[in-house]
Amino acid sequence: MTLYVSVYDAQGKPVEGINPSDIELLEANKPQVISSFRFEKGTPISLGVLIDISKNMAGERINFSLNWLKSLAEKLKSPDEFFVNGFSDDSQDLTDFISPEDYLEEPLDHLGTGGRPATGLALDLAMIKLRQGKNSKKALLFLSAGLDVAGPATLDHIAKFGYPIFSLAVDIGAGEGIKGSLDWLKSLSIRGTAIKVYAEQSGGFILPLDSSSEGKEVLPKIVFALKNQYRLEYTSSNSKKVGDILKLQIKTKDPSYQVHYLKRYQIARQ
């Protein structure tokens, strides 16, 4: 079994140089022997980008998201690749897999907004499409207002595919009296907004954005997280069958560290 793991200190800065002896891995509450744990830098990635084009993203939010995506593409380079899907009531392909150097303006210009955000459907379709990526390391990125709630079926699909999901909760330009994504992140039920739950369950993270300056600040953090992670390998000691979903726990000796990893995985057919 191979897992990608990210570790951050109390200030949110990435931590490198952790030894395998500093890590504890439990699968279905049983300690497992880690065969390899190493930090990999600059790993080529296949990325799926999901842009919320529901009515919640009208105006400044969608404009910010499209410009931010163009800035992200400038930070990547071949053999990195990515595709872009837009979603509201349904999901639509905006670009197939392209290289970061390819022309991105036309498919993103004049993108309209409307409808409700069918986040779960968009994620399910994107995970299927991401299997076509040429790089072994794969991930997904949401640009969304975050006004949707996670469903159990999609959480099982995250366990099946195992791709880390990163989310930007875009709250740019919310007027007075408008309940934006930042408020939703605080006021939703314990399960939280969909893009938050998906990120936490998959080993990614969510970042709330309420200004263009914050967008510039988080760009290098997202790029680093996509391209630089620990690769953990182990052989399970549990008896299991195809289709079983097992819970994972990863801890470090330093309790102040935040560890991001896939929380559950589904046994696949060999």
C-alpha atoms as a PDB file:
ATOM      1  CA  MET A   1       0.000   0.000   0.000  1.00  0.00           C
ATOM      2  CA  THR A   2       1.298   3.443  -0.950  1.00  0.00           C
ATOM      3  CA  LEU A   3       0.140   6.689   0.684  1.00  0.00           C
ATOM      4  CA  TYR A   4       1.104  10.309   0.176  1.00  0.00           C
ATOM      5  CA  VAL A   5       1.448  12.233   3.434  1.00  0.00           C
ATOM      6  CA  SER A   6       1.938  15.930   4.196  1.00  0.00           C
ATOM      7  CA  VAL A   7       3.204  17.226   7.547  1.00  0.00           C
ATOM      8  CA  TYR A   8       2.946  20.820   8.782  1.00  0.00           C
ATOM      9  CA  ASP A   9       4.137  22.483  11.978  1.00  0.00           C
ATOM     10  CA  ALA A  10       2.011  24.592  14.315  1.00  0.00           C
ATOM     11  CA  GLN A  11       2.591  27.651  12.099  1.00  0.00           C
ATOM     12  CA  GLY A  12       1.397  25.813   8.999  1.00  0.00           C
ATOM     13  CA  LYS A  13       4.853  25.429   7.459  1.00  0.00           C
ATOM     14  CA  PRO A  14       5.743  22.127   5.736  1.00  0.00           C
ATOM     15  CA  VAL A  15       8.059  19.821   7.681  1.00  0.00           C
ATOM     16  CA  GLU A  16      10.776  17.866   5.868  1.00  0.00           C
ATOM     17  CA  GLY A  17      13.290  15.368   7.244  1.00  0.00           C
ATOM     18  CA  ILE A  18      10.969  13.217   9.353  1.00  0.00           C
ATOM     19  CA  ASN A  19      12.348   9.716   9.923  1.00  0.00           C
ATOM     20  CA  PRO A  20      10.255   6.528   9.612  1.00  0.00           C
ATOM     21  CA  SER A  21      10.843   5.912  13.325  1.00  0.00           C
ATOM     22  CA  ASP A  22       8.992   9.167  14.060  1.00  0.00           C
ATOM     23  CA  ILE A  23       5.813   7.905  12.356  1.00  0.00           C
ATOM     24  CA  GLU A  24       3.123   5.557  13.663  1.00  0.00           C
ATOM     25  CA  LEU A  25       0.644   3.989  11.249  1.00  0.00           C
ATOM     26  CA  LEU A  26      -2.534   2.176  12.283  1.00  0.00           C
ATOM     27  CA  GLU A  27      -4.818   0.357   9.884  1.00  0.00           C
ATOM     28  CA  ALA A  28      -8.186  -0.719  11.323  1.00  0.00           C
ATOM     29  CA  ASN A  29      -6.674   0.190  14.737  1.00  0.00           C
ATOM     30  CA  LYS A  30      -3.769  -2.250  14.257  1.00  0.00           C
ATOM     31  CA  PRO A  31      -0.169  -0.959  14.141  1.00  0.00           C
ATOM     32  CA  GLN A  32       1.532  -1.562  10.795  1.00  0.00           C
ATOM     33  CA  VAL A  33       5.191  -1.895   9.841  1.00  0.00           C
ATOM     34  CA  ILE A  34       6.289   0.928   7.528  1.00  0.00           C
ATOM     35  CA  SER A  35       8.658  -0.353   4.835  1.00  0.00           C
ATOM     36  CA  SER A  36       9.494   3.051   3.342  1.00  0.00           C
ATOM     37  CA  PHE A  37       8.915   6.689   4.281  1.00  0.00           C
ATOM     38  CA  ARG A  38      10.707   9.329   2.246  1.00  0.00           C
ATOM     39  CA  PHE A  39      10.178  12.915   1.175  1.00  0.00           C
ATOM     40  CA  GLU A  40       9.779  13.331  -2.585  1.00  0.00           C
ATOM     41  CA  LYS A  41      10.394  16.730  -4.211  1.00  0.00           C
ATOM     42  CA  GLY A  42       9.116  18.033  -7.510  1.00  0.00           C
ATOM     43  CA  THR A  43       7.113  14.927  -8.391  1.00  0.00           C
ATOM     44  CA  PRO A  44       5.319  15.238 -11.780  1.00  0.00           C
ATOM     45  CA  ILE A  45       1.575  15.440 -11.209  1.00  0.00           C
ATOM     46  CA  SER A  46      -1.657  14.910 -13.106  1.00  0.00           C
ATOM     47  CA  LEU A  47      -4.180  17.390 -11.691  1.00  0.00           C
ATOM     48  CA  GLY A  48      -7.909  17.763 -12.095  1.00  0.00           C
ATOM     49  CA  VAL A  49      -9.255  21.285 -11.466  1.00  0.00           C
ATOM     50  CA  LEU A  50     -12.946  21.699 -10.636  1.00  0.00           C
ATOM     51  CA  ILE A  51     -14.334  25.231 -10.934  1.00  0.00           C
ATOM     52  CA  ASP A  52     -17.675  26.026  -9.332  1.00  0.00           C
ATOM     53  CA  ILE A  53     -19.770  27.899 -11.927  1.00  0.00           C
ATOM     54  CA  SER A  54     -23.000  27.908  -9.900  1.00  0.00           C
ATOM     55  CA  LYS A  55     -24.859  31.142  -9.113  1.00  0.00           C
ATOM     56  CA  ASN A  56     -22.858  31.360  -5.864  1.00  0.00           C
ATOM     57  CA  MET A  57     -19.742  32.192  -7.909  1.00  0.00           C
ATOM     58  CA  ALA A  58     -21.191  35.089  -9.903  1.00  0.00           C
ATOM     59  CA  GLY A  59     -19.202  38.284 -10.394  1.00  0.00           C
ATOM     60  CA  GLU A  60     -15.868  38.795  -8.713  1.00  0.00           C
ATOM     61  CA  ARG A  61     -15.589  35.228  -7.399  1.00  0.00           C
ATOM     62  CA  ILE A  62     -15.521  33.537 -10.794  1.00  0.00           C
ATOM     63  CA  ASN A  63     -13.195  36.173 -12.250  1.00  0.00           C
ATOM     64  CA  PHE A  64     -10.783  35.707  -9.368  1.00  0.00           C
ATOM     65  CA  SER A  65     -10.913  31.897  -9.709  1.00  0.00           C
ATOM     66  CA  LEU A  66     -10.146  31.938 -13.435  1.00  0.00           C
ATOM     67  CA  ASN A  67      -7.232  34.354 -13.017  1.00  0.00           C
ATOM     68  CA  TRP A  68      -5.901  32.312 -10.079  1.00  0.00           C
ATOM     69  CA  LEU A  69      -6.016  29.145 -12.197  1.00  0.00           C
ATOM     70  CA  LYS A  70      -3.986  30.833 -14.923  1.00  0.00           C
ATOM     71  CA  SER A  71      -1.404  31.798 -12.278  1.00  0.00           C
ATOM     72  CA  LEU A  72      -1.315  28.183 -11.073  1.00  0.00           C
ATOM     73  CA  ALA A  73      -0.645  26.942 -14.607  1.00  0.00           C
ATOM     74  CA  GLU A  74       2.347  29.305 -14.817  1.00  0.00           C
ATOM     75  CA  LYS A  75       3.844  27.658 -11.709  1.00  0.00           C
ATOM     76  CA  LEU A  76       3.655  24.138 -13.172  1.00  0.00           C
ATOM     77  CA  LYS A  77       5.698  22.721 -16.026  1.00  0.00           C
ATOM     78  CA  SER A  78       5.749  19.595 -18.171  1.00  0.00           C
ATOM     79  CA  PRO A  79       5.529  16.688 -17.555  1.00  0.00           C
ATOM     80  CA  ASP A  80       2.892  18.100 -15.175  1.00  0.00           C
ATOM     81  CA  GLU A  81      -0.561  18.106 -16.768  1.00  0.00           C
ATOM     82  CA  PHE A  82      -4.079  19.113 -15.781  1.00  0.00           C
ATOM     83  CA  PHE A  83      -7.670  19.208 -16.964  1.00  0.00           C
ATOM     84  CA  VAL A  84     -10.404  21.692 -16.051  1.00  0.00           C
ATOM     85  CA  ASN A  85     -14.056  20.867 -15.380  1.00  0.00           C
ATOM     86  CA  GLY A  86     -16.779  23.372 -14.554  1.00  0.00           C
ATOM     87  CA  PHE A  87     -19.737  22.360 -12.413  1.00  0.00           C
ATOM     88  CA  SER A  88     -23.127  23.658 -11.327  1.00  0.00           C
ATOM     89  CA  ASP A  89     -26.234  21.459 -11.728  1.00  0.00           C
ATOM     90  CA  ASP A  90     -24.072  19.140 -13.816  1.00  0.00           C
ATOM     91  CA  SER A  91     -20.407  18.863 -14.798  1.00  0.00           C
ATOM     92  CA  GLN A  92     -18.887  20.004 -18.079  1.00  0.00           C
ATOM     93  CA  ASP A  93     -15.419  19.522 -19.554  1.00  0.00           C
ATOM     94  CA  LEU A  94     -13.684  22.857 -20.141  1.00  0.00           C
ATOM     95  CA  THR A  95     -10.344  21.357 -21.166  1.00  0.00           C
ATOM     96  CA  ASP A  96      -9.048  17.822 -21.549  1.00  0.00           C
ATOM     97  CA  PHE A  97      -5.576  17.040 -20.163  1.00  0.00           C
ATOM     98  CA  ILE A  98      -3.202  19.777 -21.289  1.00  0.00           C
ATOM     99  CA  SER A  99       0.358  20.800 -20.484  1.00  0.00           C
ATOM    100  CA  PRO A 100       0.832  23.890 -18.289  1.00  0.00           C
ATOM    101  CA  GLU A 101       2.463  25.645 -21.258  1.00  0.00           C
ATOM    102  CA  ASP A 102      -0.634  25.205 -23.458  1.00  0.00           C
ATOM    103  CA  TYR A 103      -2.962  28.105 -24.236  1.00  0.00           C
ATOM    104  CA  LEU A 104      -5.571  28.365 -21.467  1.00  0.00           C
ATOM    105  CA  GLU A 105      -7.299  31.670 -22.237  1.00  0.00           C
ATOM    106  CA  GLU A 106     -10.013  30.615 -24.704  1.00  0.00           C
ATOM    107  CA  PRO A 107     -11.756  27.831 -22.724  1.00  0.00           C
ATOM    108  CA  LEU A 108     -11.930  30.013 -19.601  1.00  0.00           C
ATOM    109  CA  ASP A 109     -12.962  33.336 -21.116  1.00  0.00           C
ATOM    110  CA  HIS A 110     -16.618  34.396 -20.861  1.00  0.00           C
ATOM    111  CA  LEU A 111     -17.521  31.513 -18.550  1.00  0.00           C
ATOM    112  CA  GLY A 112     -21.074  32.066 -17.259  1.00  0.00           C
ATOM    113  CA  THR A 113     -22.521  31.163 -13.869  1.00  0.00           C
ATOM    114  CA  GLY A 114     -25.892  29.790 -12.757  1.00  0.00           C
ATOM    115  CA  GLY A 115     -27.651  26.887 -11.059  1.00  0.00           C
ATOM    116  CA  ARG A 116     -26.750  25.035  -7.883  1.00  0.00           C
ATOM    117  CA  PRO A 117     -23.397  23.376  -7.081  1.00  0.00           C
ATOM    118  CA  ALA A 118     -23.615  19.595  -7.560  1.00  0.00           C
ATOM    119  CA  THR A 119     -20.250  19.123  -5.890  1.00  0.00           C
ATOM    120  CA  GLY A 120     -20.459  15.370  -5.301  1.00  0.00           C
ATOM    121  CA  LEU A 121     -21.343  14.579  -8.913  1.00  0.00           C
ATOM    122  CA  ALA A 122     -18.529  16.815 -10.164  1.00  0.00           C
ATOM    123  CA  LEU A 123     -16.006  15.082  -7.929  1.00  0.00           C
ATOM    124  CA  ASP A 124     -17.151  11.584  -8.868  1.00  0.00           C
ATOM    125  CA  LEU A 125     -16.793  12.321 -12.595  1.00  0.00           C
ATOM    126  CA  ALA A 126     -13.411  14.014 -12.092  1.00  0.00           C
ATOM    127  CA  MET A 127     -12.006  11.051 -10.154  1.00  0.00           C
ATOM    128  CA  ILE A 128     -12.950   8.732 -13.017  1.00  0.00           C
ATOM    129  CA  LYS A 129     -11.361  11.058 -15.566  1.00  0.00           C
ATOM    130  CA  LEU A 130      -8.197  11.459 -13.477  1.00  0.00           C
ATOM    131  CA  ARG A 131      -7.430   7.753 -13.974  1.00  0.00           C
ATOM    132  CA  GLN A 132      -6.399   8.705 -17.539  1.00  0.00           C
ATOM    133  CA  GLY A 133      -3.573  10.912 -16.246  1.00  0.00           C
ATOM    134  CA  LYS A 134      -0.090   9.889 -17.392  1.00  0.00           C
ATOM    135  CA  ASN A 135       1.671  10.644 -14.083  1.00  0.00           C
ATOM    136  CA  SER A 136       1.505   8.185 -11.199  1.00  0.00           C
ATOM    137  CA  LYS A 137       0.877  10.992  -8.722  1.00  0.00           C
ATOM    138  CA  LYS A 138      -2.607  12.465  -9.089  1.00  0.00           C
ATOM    139  CA  ALA A 139      -4.665  15.071  -7.221  1.00  0.00           C
ATOM    140  CA  LEU A 140      -7.799  17.225  -7.480  1.00  0.00           C
ATOM    141  CA  LEU A 141      -8.349  20.910  -6.761  1.00  0.00           C
ATOM    142  CA  PHE A 142     -11.651  22.696  -6.050  1.00  0.00           C
ATOM    143  CA  LEU A 143     -12.218  26.403  -6.653  1.00  0.00           C
ATOM    144  CA  SER A 144     -15.632  26.913  -5.090  1.00  0.00           C
ATOM    145  CA  ALA A 145     -17.815  29.088  -2.866  1.00  0.00           C
ATOM    146  CA  GLY A 146     -18.272  25.939  -0.774  1.00  0.00           C
ATOM    147  CA  LEU A 147     -22.073  26.100  -0.506  1.00  0.00           C
ATOM    148  CA  ASP A 148     -22.792  22.385  -0.633  1.00  0.00           C
ATOM    149  CA  VAL A 149     -22.809  19.503   1.844  1.00  0.00           C
ATOM    150  CA  ALA A 150     -20.933  16.203   1.471  1.00  0.00           C
ATOM    151  CA  GLY A 151     -22.771  12.941   0.841  1.00  0.00           C
ATOM    152  CA  PRO A 152     -21.731   9.450   2.022  1.00  0.00           C
ATOM    153  CA  ALA A 153     -21.524   7.903  -1.460  1.00  0.00           C
ATOM    154  CA  THR A 154     -18.824  10.312  -2.609  1.00  0.00           C
ATOM    155  CA  LEU A 155     -16.869   9.741   0.610  1.00  0.00           C
ATOM    156  CA  ASP A 156     -16.750   6.039  -0.282  1.00  0.00           C
ATOM    157  CA  HIS A 157     -15.524   6.957  -3.762  1.00  0.00           C
ATOM    158  CA  ILE A 158     -12.705   9.002  -2.206  1.00  0.00           C
ATOM    159  CA  ALA A 159     -11.698   5.878  -0.271  1.00  0.00           C
ATOM    160  CA  LYS A 160     -11.749   3.892  -3.518  1.00  0.00           C
ATOM    161  CA  PHE A 161      -9.648   6.244  -5.652  1.00  0.00           C
ATOM    162  CA  GLY A 162      -7.378   7.652  -2.936  1.00  0.00           C
ATOM    163  CA  TYR A 163      -6.587  10.947  -4.687  1.00  0.00           C
ATOM    164  CA  PRO A 164      -5.765  13.904  -2.403  1.00  0.00           C
ATOM    165  CA  ILE A 165      -8.198  16.807  -2.803  1.00  0.00           C
ATOM    166  CA  PHE A 166      -7.328  20.438  -2.188  1.00  0.00           C
ATOM    167  CA  SER A 167      -9.978  23.137  -1.878  1.00  0.00           C
ATOM    168  CA  LEU A 168     -10.060  26.911  -2.083  1.00  0.00           C
ATOM    169  CA  ALA A 169     -13.217  28.371  -0.513  1.00  0.00           C
ATOM    170  CA  VAL A 170     -13.596  31.540  -2.579  1.00  0.00           C
ATOM    171  CA  ASP A 171     -15.357  34.375  -0.752  1.00  0.00           C
ATOM    172  CA  ILE A 172     -14.045  37.281  -2.827  1.00  0.00           C
ATOM    173  CA  GLY A 173     -16.381  40.265  -3.142  1.00  0.00           C
ATOM    174  CA  ALA A 174     -19.174  39.036  -0.817  1.00  0.00           C
ATOM    175  CA  GLY A 175     -21.334  42.069  -0.072  1.00  0.00           C
ATOM    176  CA  GLU A 176     -22.698  43.078   3.322  1.00  0.00           C
ATOM    177  CA  GLY A 177     -25.463  40.742   4.452  1.00  0.00           C
ATOM    178  CA  ILE A 178     -24.405  37.972   2.041  1.00  0.00           C
ATOM    179  CA  LYS A 179     -23.587  34.691   3.709  1.00  0.00           C
ATOM    180  CA  GLY A 180     -20.353  33.728   1.976  1.00  0.00           C
ATOM    181  CA  SER A 181     -18.274  30.594   2.070  1.00  0.00           C
ATOM    182  CA  LEU A 182     -16.290  31.654   5.136  1.00  0.00           C
ATOM    183  CA  ASP A 183     -19.504  31.897   7.154  1.00  0.00           C
ATOM    184  CA  TRP A 184     -20.571  28.509   5.859  1.00  0.00           C
ATOM    185  CA  LEU A 185     -17.322  26.913   6.937  1.00  0.00           C
ATOM    186  CA  LYS A 186     -18.126  28.043  10.478  1.00  0.00           C
ATOM    187  CA  SER A 187     -21.883  27.513  10.600  1.00  0.00           C
ATOM    188  CA  LEU A 188     -22.554  24.231   8.786  1.00  0.00           C
ATOM    189  CA  SER A 189     -23.101  20.996  10.702  1.00  0.00           C
ATOM    190  CA  ILE A 190     -20.187  18.962  12.045  1.00  0.00           C
ATOM    191  CA  ARG A 191     -19.830  17.244   8.670  1.00  0.00           C
ATOM    192  CA  GLY A 192     -19.157  20.667   7.177  1.00  0.00           C
ATOM    193  CA  THR A 193     -19.190  22.040   3.691  1.00  0.00           C
ATOM    194  CA  ALA A 194     -18.538  19.402   1.024  1.00  0.00           C
ATOM    195  CA  ILE A 195     -15.201  20.766  -0.191  1.00  0.00           C
ATOM    196  CA  LYS A 196     -13.924  20.848   3.412  1.00  0.00           C
ATOM    197  CA  VAL A 197     -14.952  17.269   4.149  1.00  0.00           C
ATOM    198  CA  TYR A 198     -13.587  15.971   0.854  1.00  0.00           C
ATOM    199  CA  ALA A 199     -10.226  17.645   1.475  1.00  0.00           C
ATOM    200  CA  GLU A 200      -9.889  16.386   5.043  1.00  0.00           C
ATOM    201  CA  GLN A 201     -10.895  12.824   4.200  1.00  0.00           C
ATOM    202  CA  SER A 202      -8.579  12.579   1.198  1.00  0.00           C
ATOM    203  CA  GLY A 203      -5.350  13.900   2.696  1.00  0.00           C
ATOM    204  CA  GLY A 204      -5.552  17.394   1.242  1.00  0.00           C
ATOM    205  CA  PHE A 205      -6.614  20.609   2.940  1.00  0.00           C
ATOM    206  CA  ILE A 206      -8.942  23.590   2.510  1.00  0.00           C
ATOM    207  CA  LEU A 207      -7.948  27.249   2.456  1.00  0.00           C
ATOM    208  CA  PRO A 208     -10.547  30.045   2.793  1.00  0.00           C
ATOM    209  CA  LEU A 209      -9.945  33.090   0.598  1.00  0.00           C
ATOM    210  CA  ASP A 210     -11.622  36.453   1.073  1.00  0.00           C
ATOM    211  CA  SER A 211      -9.184  38.703  -0.803  1.00  0.00           C
ATOM    212  CA  SER A 212      -7.054  38.693  -3.933  1.00  0.00           C
ATOM    213  CA  SER A 213      -3.933  39.203  -1.818  1.00  0.00           C
ATOM    214  CA  GLU A 214      -4.677  35.958   0.043  1.00  0.00           C
ATOM    215  CA  GLY A 215      -4.944  34.223  -3.318  1.00  0.00           C
ATOM    216  CA  LYS A 216      -1.378  35.239  -4.133  1.00  0.00           C
ATOM    217  CA  GLU A 217      -0.186  34.056  -0.719  1.00  0.00           C
ATOM    218  CA  VAL A 218      -1.715  30.565  -0.947  1.00  0.00           C
ATOM    219  CA  LEU A 219      -0.561  29.868  -4.515  1.00  0.00           C
ATOM    220  CA  PRO A 220       2.954  28.691  -3.543  1.00  0.00           C
ATOM    221  CA  LYS A 221       1.493  26.642  -0.672  1.00  0.00           C
ATOM    222  CA  ILE A 222      -0.819  24.785  -3.063  1.00  0.00           C
ATOM    223  CA  VAL A 223       1.968  24.212  -5.603  1.00  0.00           C
ATOM    224  CA  PHE A 224       4.306  22.909  -2.894  1.00  0.00           C
ATOM    225  CA  ALA A 225       1.635  20.549  -1.527  1.00  0.00           C
ATOM    226  CA  LEU A 226       0.901  19.161  -4.983  1.00  0.00           C
ATOM    227  CA  LYS A 227       4.529  18.530  -5.894  1.00  0.00           C
ATOM    228  CA  ASN A 228       6.246  17.734  -2.574  1.00  0.00           C
ATOM    229  CA  GLN A 229       5.026  15.063  -0.147  1.00  0.00           C
ATOM    230  CA  TYR A 230       6.167  12.084   1.862  1.00  0.00           C
ATOM    231  CA  ARG A 231       5.652   8.738   0.150  1.00  0.00           C
ATOM    232  CA  LEU A 232       4.758   6.026   2.688  1.00  0.00           C
ATOM    233  CA  GLU A 233       4.724   2.336   1.828  1.00  0.00           C
ATOM    234  CA  TYR A 234       3.655  -0.644   3.914  1.00  0.00           C
ATOM    235  CA  THR A 235       2.178  -4.131   3.583  1.00  0.00           C
ATOM    236  CA  SER A 236      -1.053  -4.602   5.493  1.00  0.00           C
ATOM    237  CA  SER A 237      -1.164  -7.268   8.211  1.00  0.00           C
ATOM    238  CA  ASN A 238      -4.979  -7.314   8.227  1.00  0.00           C
ATOM    239  CA  SER A 239      -7.145 -10.011   6.722  1.00  0.00           C
ATOM    240  CA  LYS A 240      -9.351  -8.326   4.149  1.00  0.00           C
ATOM    241  CA  LYS A 241     -11.298  -8.831   0.950  1.00  0.00           C
ATOM    242  CA  VAL A 242     -11.949  -6.781  -2.167  1.00  0.00           C
ATOM    243  CA  GLY A 243     -14.357  -3.926  -1.430  1.00  0.00           C
ATOM    244  CA  ASP A 244     -13.574  -3.617   2.281  1.00  0.00           C
ATOM    245  CA  ILE A 245     -12.985  -0.063   3.500  1.00  0.00           C
ATOM    246  CA  LEU A 246     -10.339   0.266   6.208  1.00  0.00           C
ATOM    247  CA  LYS A 247      -9.673   3.236   8.461  1.00  0.00           C
ATOM    248  CA  LEU A 248      -6.167   4.676   8.646  1.00  0.00           C
ATOM    249  CA  GLN A 249      -4.434   6.714  11.357  1.00  0.00           C
ATOM    250  CA  ILE A 250      -1.020   8.319  10.999  1.00  0.00           C
ATOM    251  CA  LYS A 251       0.657  10.059  13.923  1.00  0.00           C
ATOM    252  CA  THR A 252       4.011  11.722  14.533  1.00  0.00           C
ATOM    253  CA  LYS A 253       6.005  11.839  17.747  1.00  0.00           C
ATOM    254  CA  ASP A 254       5.599  15.614  17.797  1.00  0.00           C
ATOM    255  CA  PRO A 255       1.937  16.223  18.769  1.00  0.00           C
ATOM    256  CA  SER A 256       2.043  19.781  17.431  1.00  0.00           C
ATOM    257  CA  TYR A 257       2.456  18.558  13.853  1.00  0.00           C
ATOM    258  CA  GLN A 258      -0.581  18.431  11.559  1.00  0.00           C
ATOM    259  CA  VAL A 259      -0.573  15.295   9.403  1.00  0.00           C
ATOM    260  CA  HIS A 260      -2.661  15.148   6.223  1.00  0.00           C
ATOM    261  CA  TYR A 261      -3.362  11.697   4.771  1.00  0.00           C
ATOM    262  CA  LEU A 262      -6.097   9.519   3.276  1.00  0.00           C
ATOM    263  CA  LYS A 263      -8.395   8.624   6.199  1.00  0.00           C
ATOM    264  CA  ARG A 264      -9.993   5.507   4.671  1.00  0.00           C
ATOM    265  CA  TYR A 265      -9.102   3.309   1.716  1.00  0.00           C
ATOM    266  CA  GLN A 266     -10.967   0.618  -0.171  1.00  0.00           C
ATOM    267  CA  ILE A 267      -9.372  -2.715  -1.017  1.00  0.00           C
ATOM    268  CA  ALA A 268      -9.058  -2.905  -4.789  1.00  0.00           C
ATOM    269  CA  ARG A 269      -8.871  -5.923  -7.042  1.00  0.00           C
ATOM    270  CA  GLN A 270      -5.245  -6.828  -7.879  1.00  0.00           C
END
